[in-house]
C-alpha atoms as a PDB file:
ATOM      1  CA  UNK A   1     124.376  38.713  19.286  1.00  0.00           C
ATOM      2  CA  UNK A   2     123.445  36.627  16.272  1.00  0.00           C
ATOM      3  CA  UNK A   3     119.814  36.689  15.143  1.00  0.00           C
ATOM      4  CA  UNK A   4     117.841  35.439  12.150  1.00  0.00           C
ATOM      5  CA  UNK A   5     114.938  37.459  10.766  1.00  0.00           C
ATOM      6  CA  UNK A   6     113.446  38.953   7.616  1.00  0.00           C
ATOM      7  CA  UNK A   7     112.882  42.370   6.057  1.00  0.00           C
ATOM      8  CA  UNK A   8     110.192  41.291   3.598  1.00  0.00           C
ATOM      9  CA  UNK A   9     107.559  38.551   3.546  1.00  0.00           C
ATOM     10  CA  UNK A  10     108.814  36.130   0.915  1.00  0.00           C
ATOM     11  CA  UNK A  11     108.160  32.502  -0.032  1.00  0.00           C
ATOM     12  CA  UNK A  12     110.458  30.259   2.010  1.00  0.00           C
ATOM     13  CA  UNK A  13     112.250  29.187  -1.171  1.00  0.00           C
ATOM     14  CA  UNK A  14     113.523  32.749  -1.715  1.00  0.00           C
ATOM     15  CA  UNK A  15     117.109  33.438  -0.661  1.00  0.00           C
ATOM     16  CA  UNK A  16     116.197  36.323   1.679  1.00  0.00           C
ATOM     17  CA  UNK A  17     113.101  34.771   3.245  1.00  0.00           C
ATOM     18  CA  UNK A  18     115.413  34.592   6.267  1.00  0.00           C
ATOM     19  CA  UNK A  19     118.641  36.505   6.812  1.00  0.00           C
ATOM     20  CA  UNK A  20     121.300  36.231   9.500  1.00  0.00           C
ATOM     21  CA  UNK A  21     122.437  39.474  11.131  1.00  0.00           C
ATOM     22  CA  UNK A  22     124.110  40.901  14.239  1.00  0.00           C
ATOM     23  CA  UNK A  23     122.200  43.030  16.743  1.00  0.00           C
ATOM     24  CA  UNK A  24     122.713  44.316  20.281  1.00  0.00           C
ATOM     25  CA  UNK A  25     122.158  41.958  23.192  1.00  0.00           C
ATOM     26  CA  UNK A  26     119.211  43.432  25.151  1.00  0.00           C
ATOM     27  CA  UNK A  27     119.270  44.396  28.838  1.00  0.00           C
ATOM     28  CA  UNK A  28     116.493  43.204  31.161  1.00  0.00           C
ATOM     29  CA  UNK A  29     114.435  45.670  33.223  1.00  0.00           C
ATOM     30  CA  UNK A  30     111.238  45.327  35.255  1.00  0.00           C
ATOM     31  CA  UNK A  31     109.815  41.783  35.144  1.00  0.00           C
ATOM     32  CA  UNK A  32     112.063  40.716  32.249  1.00  0.00           C
ATOM     33  CA  UNK A  33     114.619  37.936  32.165  1.00  0.00           C
ATOM     34  CA  UNK A  34     117.518  37.846  29.706  1.00  0.00           C
ATOM     35  CA  UNK A  35     117.652  34.271  28.431  1.00  0.00           C
ATOM     36  CA  UNK A  36     120.530  32.632  26.568  1.00  0.00           C
ATOM     37  CA  UNK A  37     118.660  30.317  24.219  1.00  0.00           C
ATOM     38  CA  UNK A  38     119.564  26.628  23.856  1.00  0.00           C
ATOM     39  CA  UNK A  39     116.772  25.342  21.577  1.00  0.00           C
ATOM     40  CA  UNK A  40     113.673  26.604  19.789  1.00  0.00           C
ATOM     41  CA  UNK A  41     110.722  24.975  18.055  1.00  0.00           C
ATOM     42  CA  UNK A  42     108.710  26.104  15.060  1.00  0.00           C
ATOM     43  CA  UNK A  43     104.904  26.414  14.988  1.00  0.00           C
ATOM     44  CA  UNK A  44     102.332  27.330  12.303  1.00  0.00           C
ATOM     45  CA  UNK A  45     102.146  30.860  13.774  1.00  0.00           C
ATOM     46  CA  UNK A  46     105.799  31.341  12.749  1.00  0.00           C
ATOM     47  CA  UNK A  47     105.234  30.901   9.024  1.00  0.00           C
ATOM     48  CA  UNK A  48     101.892  32.726   9.128  1.00  0.00           C
ATOM     49  CA  UNK A  49     103.579  35.834  10.550  1.00  0.00           C
ATOM     50  CA  UNK A  50     106.609  35.447   8.288  1.00  0.00           C
ATOM     51  CA  UNK A  51     104.355  35.485   5.223  1.00  0.00           C
ATOM     52  CA  UNK A  52     102.195  38.408   6.367  1.00  0.00           C
ATOM     53  CA  UNK A  53     104.171  40.829   8.571  1.00  0.00           C
ATOM     54  CA  UNK A  54     106.046  42.560   5.727  1.00  0.00           C
ATOM     55  CA  UNK A  55     103.935  41.745   2.697  1.00  0.00           C
ATOM     56  CA  UNK A  56     103.828  45.156   1.008  1.00  0.00           C
ATOM     57  CA  UNK A  57     106.866  46.790   2.558  1.00  0.00           C
ATOM     58  CA  UNK A  58     110.535  46.359   3.338  1.00  0.00           C
ATOM     59  CA  UNK A  59     111.372  46.633   7.027  1.00  0.00           C
ATOM     60  CA  UNK A  60     114.250  48.859   8.096  1.00  0.00           C
ATOM     61  CA  UNK A  61     115.282  46.428  10.819  1.00  0.00           C
ATOM     62  CA  UNK A  62     114.830  42.669  10.330  1.00  0.00           C
ATOM     63  CA  UNK A  63     111.899  41.215  12.260  1.00  0.00           C
ATOM     64  CA  UNK A  64     112.799  38.424  14.671  1.00  0.00           C
ATOM     65  CA  UNK A  65     110.025  35.862  15.132  1.00  0.00           C
ATOM     66  CA  UNK A  66     109.833  32.573  17.058  1.00  0.00           C
ATOM     67  CA  UNK A  67     107.600  31.593  19.985  1.00  0.00           C
ATOM     68  CA  UNK A  68     109.055  28.583  21.717  1.00  0.00           C
ATOM     69  CA  UNK A  69     112.360  28.413  23.549  1.00  0.00           C
ATOM     70  CA  UNK A  70     114.432  26.680  26.177  1.00  0.00           C
ATOM     71  CA  UNK A  71     117.309  28.574  27.735  1.00  0.00           C
ATOM     72  CA  UNK A  72     119.265  29.712  30.772  1.00  0.00           C
ATOM     73  CA  UNK A  73     118.744  32.947  32.718  1.00  0.00           C
ATOM     74  CA  UNK A  74     121.733  35.223  32.166  1.00  0.00           C
ATOM     75  CA  UNK A  75     120.420  38.400  33.859  1.00  0.00           C
ATOM     76  CA  UNK A  76     117.246  39.623  35.574  1.00  0.00           C
ATOM     77  CA  UNK A  77     115.240  42.843  35.749  1.00  0.00           C
ATOM     78  CA  UNK A  78     114.820  44.708  39.035  1.00  0.00           C
ATOM     79  CA  UNK A  79     111.221  43.522  39.590  1.00  0.00           C
ATOM     80  CA  UNK A  80     111.839  39.800  39.033  1.00  0.00           C
ATOM     81  CA  UNK A  81     111.237  37.483  41.993  1.00  0.00           C
ATOM     82  CA  UNK A  82     110.824  33.953  40.633  1.00  0.00           C
ATOM     83  CA  UNK A  83     114.026  33.072  38.813  1.00  0.00           C
ATOM     84  CA  UNK A  84     117.766  33.376  39.371  1.00  0.00           C
ATOM     85  CA  UNK A  85     120.753  33.555  37.056  1.00  0.00           C
ATOM     86  CA  UNK A  86     121.541  30.015  35.887  1.00  0.00           C
ATOM     87  CA  UNK A  87     117.951  28.706  36.062  1.00  0.00           C
ATOM     88  CA  UNK A  88     116.793  26.619  33.082  1.00  0.00           C
ATOM     89  CA  UNK A  89     113.513  27.831  31.597  1.00  0.00           C
ATOM     90  CA  UNK A  90     111.001  27.084  28.878  1.00  0.00           C
ATOM     91  CA  UNK A  91     108.382  29.429  27.466  1.00  0.00           C
ATOM     92  CA  UNK A  92     106.353  30.482  24.424  1.00  0.00           C
ATOM     93  CA  UNK A  93     106.927  34.230  24.660  1.00  0.00           C
ATOM     94  CA  UNK A  94     104.834  37.210  23.633  1.00  0.00           C
ATOM     95  CA  UNK A  95     103.471  37.894  20.146  1.00  0.00           C
ATOM     96  CA  UNK A  96     104.092  41.639  20.518  1.00  0.00           C
ATOM     97  CA  UNK A  97     107.817  41.352  21.310  1.00  0.00           C
ATOM     98  CA  UNK A  98     111.007  40.248  19.589  1.00  0.00           C
ATOM     99  CA  UNK A  99     111.007  36.468  19.202  1.00  0.00           C
ATOM    100  CA  UNK A 100     113.230  33.515  20.032  1.00  0.00           C
ATOM    101  CA  UNK A 101     115.083  33.211  16.708  1.00  0.00           C
ATOM    102  CA  UNK A 102     118.176  34.755  18.286  1.00  0.00           C
ATOM    103  CA  UNK A 103     120.982  33.901  20.682  1.00  0.00           C
ATOM    104  CA  UNK A 104     119.394  35.933  23.507  1.00  0.00           C
ATOM    105  CA  UNK A 105     115.843  37.061  24.257  1.00  0.00           C
ATOM    106  CA  UNK A 106     113.977  39.141  26.823  1.00  0.00           C
ATOM    107  CA  UNK A 107     110.872  37.495  28.274  1.00  0.00           C
ATOM    108  CA  UNK A 108     108.515  38.441  31.112  1.00  0.00           C
ATOM    109  CA  UNK A 109     108.976  36.059  34.038  1.00  0.00           C
ATOM    110  CA  UNK A 110     105.200  35.775  34.506  1.00  0.00           C
ATOM    111  CA  UNK A 111     104.846  33.728  31.302  1.00  0.00           C
ATOM    112  CA  UNK A 112     107.863  31.469  31.903  1.00  0.00           C
ATOM    113  CA  UNK A 113     108.198  28.082  33.612  1.00  0.00           C
ATOM    114  CA  UNK A 114     111.063  25.954  34.896  1.00  0.00           C
ATOM    115  CA  UNK A 115     112.198  23.477  32.244  1.00  0.00           C
ATOM    116  CA  UNK A 116     111.070  19.902  32.960  1.00  0.00           C
ATOM    117  CA  UNK A 117     114.045  18.256  34.662  1.00  0.00           C
ATOM    118  CA  UNK A 118     113.549  14.907  32.951  1.00  0.00           C
ATOM    119  CA  UNK A 119     113.599  16.329  29.413  1.00  0.00           C
ATOM    120  CA  UNK A 120     116.513  17.365  27.225  1.00  0.00           C
ATOM    121  CA  UNK A 121     116.591  20.907  25.844  1.00  0.00           C
ATOM    122  CA  UNK A 122     115.157  19.729  22.533  1.00  0.00           C
ATOM    123  CA  UNK A 123     112.416  17.634  24.143  1.00  0.00           C
ATOM    124  CA  UNK A 124     111.386  20.581  26.330  1.00  0.00           C
ATOM    125  CA  UNK A 125     111.465  23.137  23.487  1.00  0.00           C
ATOM    126  CA  UNK A 126     108.681  21.192  21.753  1.00  0.00           C
ATOM    127  CA  UNK A 127     106.208  21.835  24.560  1.00  0.00           C
ATOM    128  CA  UNK A 128     105.476  25.458  25.660  1.00  0.00           C
ATOM    129  CA  UNK A 129     103.235  26.960  22.957  1.00  0.00           C
ATOM    130  CA  UNK A 130     101.313  23.784  22.223  1.00  0.00           C
ATOM    131  CA  UNK A 131     101.120  22.838  25.898  1.00  0.00           C
ATOM    132  CA  UNK A 132      99.721  26.218  26.905  1.00  0.00           C
ATOM    133  CA  UNK A 133      97.249  26.240  24.008  1.00  0.00           C
ATOM    134  CA  UNK A 134      95.956  22.747  24.742  1.00  0.00           C
ATOM    135  CA  UNK A 135      95.802  23.304  28.503  1.00  0.00           C
ATOM    136  CA  UNK A 136      93.971  26.637  28.194  1.00  0.00           C
ATOM    137  CA  UNK A 137      91.531  25.128  25.675  1.00  0.00           C
ATOM    138  CA  UNK A 138      90.582  22.325  28.058  1.00  0.00           C
ATOM    139  CA  UNK A 139      90.759  23.931  31.484  1.00  0.00           C
ATOM    140  CA  UNK A 140      90.349  27.700  30.934  1.00  0.00           C
ATOM    141  CA  UNK A 141      87.885  27.757  28.018  1.00  0.00           C
ATOM    142  CA  UNK A 142      85.811  24.579  28.475  1.00  0.00           C
ATOM    143  CA  UNK A 143      86.596  24.542  32.217  1.00  0.00           C
ATOM    144  CA  UNK A 144      86.648  20.752  32.338  1.00  0.00           C
ATOM    145  CA  UNK A 145      86.163  19.344  35.820  1.00  0.00           C
ATOM    146  CA  UNK A 146      88.279  16.248  36.338  1.00  0.00           C
ATOM    147  CA  UNK A 147      85.661  14.738  38.672  1.00  0.00           C
ATOM    148  CA  UNK A 148      82.284  15.509  37.125  1.00  0.00           C
ATOM    149  CA  UNK A 149      83.336  15.432  33.447  1.00  0.00           C
ATOM    150  CA  UNK A 150      85.357  12.219  33.562  1.00  0.00           C
ATOM    151  CA  UNK A 151      84.481   9.881  30.680  1.00  0.00           C
ATOM    152  CA  UNK A 152      82.787  12.532  28.543  1.00  0.00           C
ATOM    153  CA  UNK A 153      83.706  12.552  24.852  1.00  0.00           C
ATOM    154  CA  UNK A 154      86.013  15.023  23.124  1.00  0.00           C
ATOM    155  CA  UNK A 155      86.819  15.271  19.418  1.00  0.00           C
ATOM    156  CA  UNK A 156      90.234  16.712  18.582  1.00  0.00           C
ATOM    157  CA  UNK A 157      90.541  17.886  14.980  1.00  0.00           C
ATOM    158  CA  UNK A 158      94.134  17.468  13.698  1.00  0.00           C
ATOM    159  CA  UNK A 159      95.231  15.107  16.440  1.00  0.00           C
ATOM    160  CA  UNK A 160      98.752  14.491  15.107  1.00  0.00           C
ATOM    161  CA  UNK A 161      99.720  18.166  14.922  1.00  0.00           C
ATOM    162  CA  UNK A 162     101.690  19.984  17.606  1.00  0.00           C
ATOM    163  CA  UNK A 163      98.701  21.187  19.641  1.00  0.00           C
ATOM    164  CA  UNK A 164      96.666  18.047  18.981  1.00  0.00           C
ATOM    165  CA  UNK A 165      99.485  15.808  20.218  1.00  0.00           C
ATOM    166  CA  UNK A 166      99.602  17.403  23.651  1.00  0.00           C
ATOM    167  CA  UNK A 167      95.825  17.957  23.799  1.00  0.00           C
ATOM    168  CA  UNK A 168      95.227  14.213  23.366  1.00  0.00           C
ATOM    169  CA  UNK A 169      97.517  13.499  26.319  1.00  0.00           C
ATOM    170  CA  UNK A 170      95.991  16.153  28.581  1.00  0.00           C
ATOM    171  CA  UNK A 171      92.423  15.171  27.675  1.00  0.00           C
ATOM    172  CA  UNK A 172      93.054  11.465  28.303  1.00  0.00           C
ATOM    173  CA  UNK A 173      95.633  11.314  31.067  1.00  0.00           C
ATOM    174  CA  UNK A 174      94.725  14.424  33.094  1.00  0.00           C
ATOM    175  CA  UNK A 175      91.031  15.116  32.361  1.00  0.00           C
ATOM    176  CA  UNK A 176      90.022  11.450  31.971  1.00  0.00           C
ATOM    177  CA  UNK A 177      87.942  12.050  28.844  1.00  0.00           C
ATOM    178  CA  UNK A 178      87.085   9.648  26.033  1.00  0.00           C
ATOM    179  CA  UNK A 179      89.354  10.989  23.298  1.00  0.00           C
ATOM    180  CA  UNK A 180      88.583  10.852  19.587  1.00  0.00           C
ATOM    181  CA  UNK A 181      91.227  12.324  17.270  1.00  0.00           C
ATOM    182  CA  UNK A 182      91.208  12.886  13.529  1.00  0.00           C
ATOM    183  CA  UNK A 183      93.970  11.694  11.194  1.00  0.00           C
ATOM    184  CA  UNK A 184      94.007  10.387   7.636  1.00  0.00           C
ATOM    185  CA  UNK A 185      97.416   8.725   7.141  1.00  0.00           C
ATOM    186  CA  UNK A 186      98.660   5.494   8.745  1.00  0.00           C
ATOM    187  CA  UNK A 187     101.615   7.277  10.390  1.00  0.00           C
ATOM    188  CA  UNK A 188      99.504  10.116  11.826  1.00  0.00           C
ATOM    189  CA  UNK A 189      96.840   7.633  12.947  1.00  0.00           C
ATOM    190  CA  UNK A 190      99.453   5.569  14.807  1.00  0.00           C
ATOM    191  CA  UNK A 191     100.863   8.741  16.393  1.00  0.00           C
ATOM    192  CA  UNK A 192      97.432   9.680  17.789  1.00  0.00           C
ATOM    193  CA  UNK A 193      97.015   6.243  19.347  1.00  0.00           C
ATOM    194  CA  UNK A 194     100.536   6.502  20.789  1.00  0.00           C
ATOM    195  CA  UNK A 195      99.565   9.828  22.404  1.00  0.00           C
ATOM    196  CA  UNK A 196      96.612   8.122  24.096  1.00  0.00           C
ATOM    197  CA  UNK A 197      93.589   8.544  21.818  1.00  0.00           C
ATOM    198  CA  UNK A 198      90.780   6.014  22.358  1.00  0.00           C
ATOM    199  CA  UNK A 199      89.637   6.319  18.750  1.00  0.00           C
ATOM    200  CA  UNK A 200      91.114   7.803  15.576  1.00  0.00           C
ATOM    201  CA  UNK A 201      88.742   8.739  12.750  1.00  0.00           C
ATOM    202  CA  UNK A 202      89.299   9.968   9.212  1.00  0.00           C
ATOM    203  CA  UNK A 203      88.389  13.641   8.888  1.00  0.00           C
ATOM    204  CA  UNK A 204      87.343  13.160   5.246  1.00  0.00           C
ATOM    205  CA  UNK A 205      84.201  11.239   6.363  1.00  0.00           C
ATOM    206  CA  UNK A 206      83.782  12.657   9.855  1.00  0.00           C
ATOM    207  CA  UNK A 207      80.052  12.108  10.466  1.00  0.00           C
ATOM    208  CA  UNK A 208      80.105   8.533   9.164  1.00  0.00           C
ATOM    209  CA  UNK A 209      83.287   7.676  11.048  1.00  0.00           C
ATOM    210  CA  UNK A 210      81.910   8.984  14.342  1.00  0.00           C
ATOM    211  CA  UNK A 211      78.669   7.032  13.901  1.00  0.00           C
ATOM    212  CA  UNK A 212      80.690   3.902  13.169  1.00  0.00           C
ATOM    213  CA  UNK A 213      82.487   4.080  16.543  1.00  0.00           C
ATOM    214  CA  UNK A 214      79.273   4.800  18.454  1.00  0.00           C
ATOM    215  CA  UNK A 215      79.898   8.510  19.033  1.00  0.00           C
ATOM    216  CA  UNK A 216      77.610  10.230  16.525  1.00  0.00           C
ATOM    217  CA  UNK A 217      77.667  13.259  18.837  1.00  0.00           C
ATOM    218  CA  UNK A 218      80.364  14.433  21.261  1.00  0.00           C
ATOM    219  CA  UNK A 219      80.439  16.619  24.376  1.00  0.00           C
ATOM    220  CA  UNK A 220      83.398  18.745  23.332  1.00  0.00           C
ATOM    221  CA  UNK A 221      85.256  19.670  20.144  1.00  0.00           C
ATOM    222  CA  UNK A 222      88.732  21.199  19.850  1.00  0.00           C
ATOM    223  CA  UNK A 223      89.356  22.640  16.389  1.00  0.00           C
ATOM    224  CA  UNK A 224      93.061  22.879  15.592  1.00  0.00           C
ATOM    225  CA  UNK A 225      92.803  22.916  11.798  1.00  0.00           C
ATOM    226  CA  UNK A 226      89.930  24.637   9.927  1.00  0.00           C
ATOM    227  CA  UNK A 227      87.068  26.388  11.716  1.00  0.00           C
ATOM    228  CA  UNK A 228      85.339  27.592   8.568  1.00  0.00           C
ATOM    229  CA  UNK A 229      85.544  24.211   6.831  1.00  0.00           C
ATOM    230  CA  UNK A 230      84.156  22.240   9.782  1.00  0.00           C
ATOM    231  CA  UNK A 231      81.677  24.774  11.184  1.00  0.00           C
ATOM    232  CA  UNK A 232      78.424  23.210   9.962  1.00  0.00           C
ATOM    233  CA  UNK A 233      79.649  19.693  10.693  1.00  0.00           C
ATOM    234  CA  UNK A 234      80.632  20.695  14.216  1.00  0.00           C
ATOM    235  CA  UNK A 235      77.175  22.166  14.812  1.00  0.00           C
ATOM    236  CA  UNK A 236      75.666  18.797  13.841  1.00  0.00           C
ATOM    237  CA  UNK A 237      77.956  16.520  15.838  1.00  0.00           C
ATOM    238  CA  UNK A 238      78.182  18.532  19.068  1.00  0.00           C
ATOM    239  CA  UNK A 239      75.840  17.367  21.822  1.00  0.00           C
ATOM    240  CA  UNK A 240      73.236  19.707  23.335  1.00  0.00           C
ATOM    241  CA  UNK A 241      74.941  22.006  25.865  1.00  0.00           C
ATOM    242  CA  UNK A 242      78.316  21.020  24.468  1.00  0.00           C
ATOM    243  CA  UNK A 243      81.345  23.243  23.993  1.00  0.00           C
ATOM    244  CA  UNK A 244      83.446  24.024  20.902  1.00  0.00           C
ATOM    245  CA  UNK A 245      86.884  25.663  21.134  1.00  0.00           C
ATOM    246  CA  UNK A 246      88.871  26.866  18.123  1.00  0.00           C
ATOM    247  CA  UNK A 247      92.361  28.246  17.596  1.00  0.00           C
ATOM    248  CA  UNK A 248      91.896  28.782  13.852  1.00  0.00           C
ATOM    249  CA  UNK A 249      90.192  31.536  11.892  1.00  0.00           C
ATOM    250  CA  UNK A 250      87.315  32.002   9.487  1.00  0.00           C
ATOM    251  CA  UNK A 251      87.622  34.233   6.439  1.00  0.00           C
ATOM    252  CA  UNK A 252      83.862  34.743   6.455  1.00  0.00           C
ATOM    253  CA  UNK A 253      81.451  35.554   9.315  1.00  0.00           C
ATOM    254  CA  UNK A 254      80.203  32.400  11.051  1.00  0.00           C
ATOM    255  CA  UNK A 255      76.520  31.706  11.586  1.00  0.00           C
ATOM    256  CA  UNK A 256      76.280  31.373  15.373  1.00  0.00           C
ATOM    257  CA  UNK A 257      72.522  30.797  15.103  1.00  0.00           C
ATOM    258  CA  UNK A 258      73.097  27.149  14.214  1.00  0.00           C
ATOM    259  CA  UNK A 259      74.344  26.574  17.780  1.00  0.00           C
ATOM    260  CA  UNK A 260      71.313  28.157  19.453  1.00  0.00           C
ATOM    261  CA  UNK A 261      68.856  25.228  19.596  1.00  0.00           C
ATOM    262  CA  UNK A 262      71.427  23.070  21.387  1.00  0.00           C
ATOM    263  CA  UNK A 263      72.624  25.917  23.682  1.00  0.00           C
ATOM    264  CA  UNK A 264      76.176  25.181  22.559  1.00  0.00           C
ATOM    265  CA  UNK A 265      79.049  27.313  23.879  1.00  0.00           C
ATOM    266  CA  UNK A 266      81.739  28.517  21.455  1.00  0.00           C
ATOM    267  CA  UNK A 267      85.093  29.858  22.646  1.00  0.00           C
ATOM    268  CA  UNK A 268      88.199  31.202  20.986  1.00  0.00           C
ATOM    269  CA  UNK A 269      91.588  30.222  22.345  1.00  0.00           C
ATOM    270  CA  UNK A 270      94.646  32.373  21.735  1.00  0.00           C
ATOM    271  CA  UNK A 271      97.626  31.567  23.915  1.00  0.00           C
ATOM    272  CA  UNK A 272      98.956  35.117  23.504  1.00  0.00           C
ATOM    273  CA  UNK A 273      95.902  36.886  24.968  1.00  0.00           C
ATOM    274  CA  UNK A 274      97.296  37.039  28.500  1.00  0.00           C
ATOM    275  CA  UNK A 275     100.654  38.531  27.462  1.00  0.00           C
ATOM    276  CA  UNK A 276      99.258  40.817  24.726  1.00  0.00           C
ATOM    277  CA  UNK A 277      96.837  42.511  27.101  1.00  0.00           C
ATOM    278  CA  UNK A 278      98.785  42.069  30.367  1.00  0.00           C
ATOM    279  CA  UNK A 279      95.686  40.480  31.882  1.00  0.00           C
ATOM    280  CA  UNK A 280      95.260  40.304  35.651  1.00  0.00           C
ATOM    281  CA  UNK A 281      95.866  36.556  35.499  1.00  0.00           C
ATOM    282  CA  UNK A 282      98.904  36.832  33.218  1.00  0.00           C
ATOM    283  CA  UNK A 283     101.002  34.735  35.593  1.00  0.00           C
ATOM    284  CA  UNK A 284      98.613  31.795  35.082  1.00  0.00           C
ATOM    285  CA  UNK A 285     100.972  30.783  32.273  1.00  0.00           C
ATOM    286  CA  UNK A 286     103.818  30.543  34.798  1.00  0.00           C
ATOM    287  CA  UNK A 287     101.595  28.175  36.795  1.00  0.00           C
ATOM    288  CA  UNK A 288     100.493  26.139  33.763  1.00  0.00           C
ATOM    289  CA  UNK A 289     104.029  25.664  32.444  1.00  0.00           C
ATOM    290  CA  UNK A 290     105.231  24.507  35.864  1.00  0.00           C
ATOM    291  CA  UNK A 291     102.266  22.129  36.152  1.00  0.00           C
ATOM    292  CA  UNK A 292     103.025  20.692  32.714  1.00  0.00           C
ATOM    293  CA  UNK A 293     106.688  20.318  33.724  1.00  0.00           C
ATOM    294  CA  UNK A 294     105.583  18.319  36.784  1.00  0.00           C
ATOM    295  CA  UNK A 295     103.370  16.124  34.575  1.00  0.00           C
ATOM    296  CA  UNK A 296     106.316  15.517  32.257  1.00  0.00           C
ATOM    297  CA  UNK A 297     108.656  14.716  35.136  1.00  0.00           C
ATOM    298  CA  UNK A 298     106.251  12.254  36.779  1.00  0.00           C
ATOM    299  CA  UNK A 299     105.640  10.440  33.486  1.00  0.00           C
ATOM    300  CA  UNK A 300     102.006  11.459  32.969  1.00  0.00           C
ATOM    301  CA  UNK A 301     102.859  13.342  29.766  1.00  0.00           C
ATOM    302  CA  UNK A 302     105.599  12.835  27.201  1.00  0.00           C
ATOM    303  CA  UNK A 303     107.318  15.150  24.777  1.00  0.00           C
ATOM    304  CA  UNK A 304     105.874  15.551  21.284  1.00  0.00           C
ATOM    305  CA  UNK A 305     109.279  16.084  19.640  1.00  0.00           C
ATOM    306  CA  UNK A 306     109.680  14.213  16.353  1.00  0.00           C
ATOM    307  CA  UNK A 307     112.385  16.081  14.404  1.00  0.00           C
ATOM    308  CA  UNK A 308     115.599  17.760  15.612  1.00  0.00           C
ATOM    309  CA  UNK A 309     117.669  20.034  13.374  1.00  0.00           C
ATOM    310  CA  UNK A 310     121.132  20.724  14.772  1.00  0.00           C
ATOM    311  CA  UNK A 311     122.483  24.255  14.499  1.00  0.00           C
ATOM    312  CA  UNK A 312     120.917  27.738  14.672  1.00  0.00           C
ATOM    313  CA  UNK A 313     121.243  28.545  10.967  1.00  0.00           C
ATOM    314  CA  UNK A 314     119.215  30.141   8.194  1.00  0.00           C
ATOM    315  CA  UNK A 315     119.215  26.783   6.416  1.00  0.00           C
ATOM    316  CA  UNK A 316     117.667  24.948   9.364  1.00  0.00           C
ATOM    317  CA  UNK A 317     115.083  27.661  10.002  1.00  0.00           C
ATOM    318  CA  UNK A 318     114.043  27.531   6.356  1.00  0.00           C
ATOM    319  CA  UNK A 319     113.798  23.752   6.501  1.00  0.00           C
ATOM    320  CA  UNK A 320     111.634  23.906   9.636  1.00  0.00           C
ATOM    321  CA  UNK A 321     109.311  26.438   7.988  1.00  0.00           C
ATOM    322  CA  UNK A 322     109.050  24.306   4.849  1.00  0.00           C
ATOM    323  CA  UNK A 323     107.993  21.377   7.001  1.00  0.00           C
ATOM    324  CA  UNK A 324     105.346  23.449   8.801  1.00  0.00           C
ATOM    325  CA  UNK A 325     103.975  24.867   5.568  1.00  0.00           C
ATOM    326  CA  UNK A 326     103.553  21.352   4.131  1.00  0.00           C
ATOM    327  CA  UNK A 327     100.747  20.723   6.640  1.00  0.00           C
ATOM    328  CA  UNK A 328     101.930  17.124   6.998  1.00  0.00           C
ATOM    329  CA  UNK A 329     104.221  17.327  10.011  1.00  0.00           C
ATOM    330  CA  UNK A 330     103.590  15.050  12.973  1.00  0.00           C
ATOM    331  CA  UNK A 331     104.420  16.315  16.454  1.00  0.00           C
ATOM    332  CA  UNK A 332     107.034  19.066  16.744  1.00  0.00           C
ATOM    333  CA  UNK A 333     110.193  20.195  14.940  1.00  0.00           C
ATOM    334  CA  UNK A 334     112.984  21.651  17.096  1.00  0.00           C
ATOM    335  CA  UNK A 335     116.233  23.455  16.282  1.00  0.00           C
ATOM    336  CA  UNK A 336     119.075  22.809  18.731  1.00  0.00           C
ATOM    337  CA  UNK A 337     121.664  25.591  19.042  1.00  0.00           C
END
């Protein structure tokens, strides 16, 4: 099968930052499905791993990355029970395994969902990783109750990004929260409103902007951009007994003491935790993806696709990575095979 990978971590402008190569089509065993891929999307995790996985070495075999895909089941392992050959799927995969930048991929059926019927392959490929991350942040980490928490305020940092775009929709249309998103450009501001945000504030003057809209403090904060940079600000603007969730990292130790007086809860969210550690509730991602598919099909949620690149080529993968690295993309970029 055809695959695209890399042997060394190089700037995306370098000729061999991605290389096309042929490799054996894998055979599914156990809980695995062999999926013939139709479309993939690119996320920040893709370029972060591309630039770090082979920094000081040259890999013998090219590394295949990619953690979003839509495809069709071609074969099943002996322990599979949920899917049949010919089923259309969507999933975000497993950080510890070979990725979706290939014609075929093995994926555990417990972290896979049925593709939303109402969406095209490209529209569906935009959803899995960001949908799982946003859903887990709201309902697994904060444990938002759709009855008792309705109307409470949530601040979503980087509202126009891939995760922010779906988090706004889930927070507003499923959880019933008052949604405040950050954006600083007219196009990203409009996108956040289109996704369902009640307010959009400029992250350059966050405290002042929140005060201006009558929400000097908020119940919940989702950080999808810069934990270290916003840490002290978040401690100030979070309400007593509030909850902060972050998917980003800090290069320095964080001072948790500044959350103590308000009894604020802080949680990490990593979508790969369940698959990396084969947790007892690993198949929760199967349930979440199917729930999101239902919400897409009944019109509650909409795809966050903004850019489609046609053709599974080195050129298109490089272009998608360039766009991600710019930090200015809105919504999701998808490559259609």
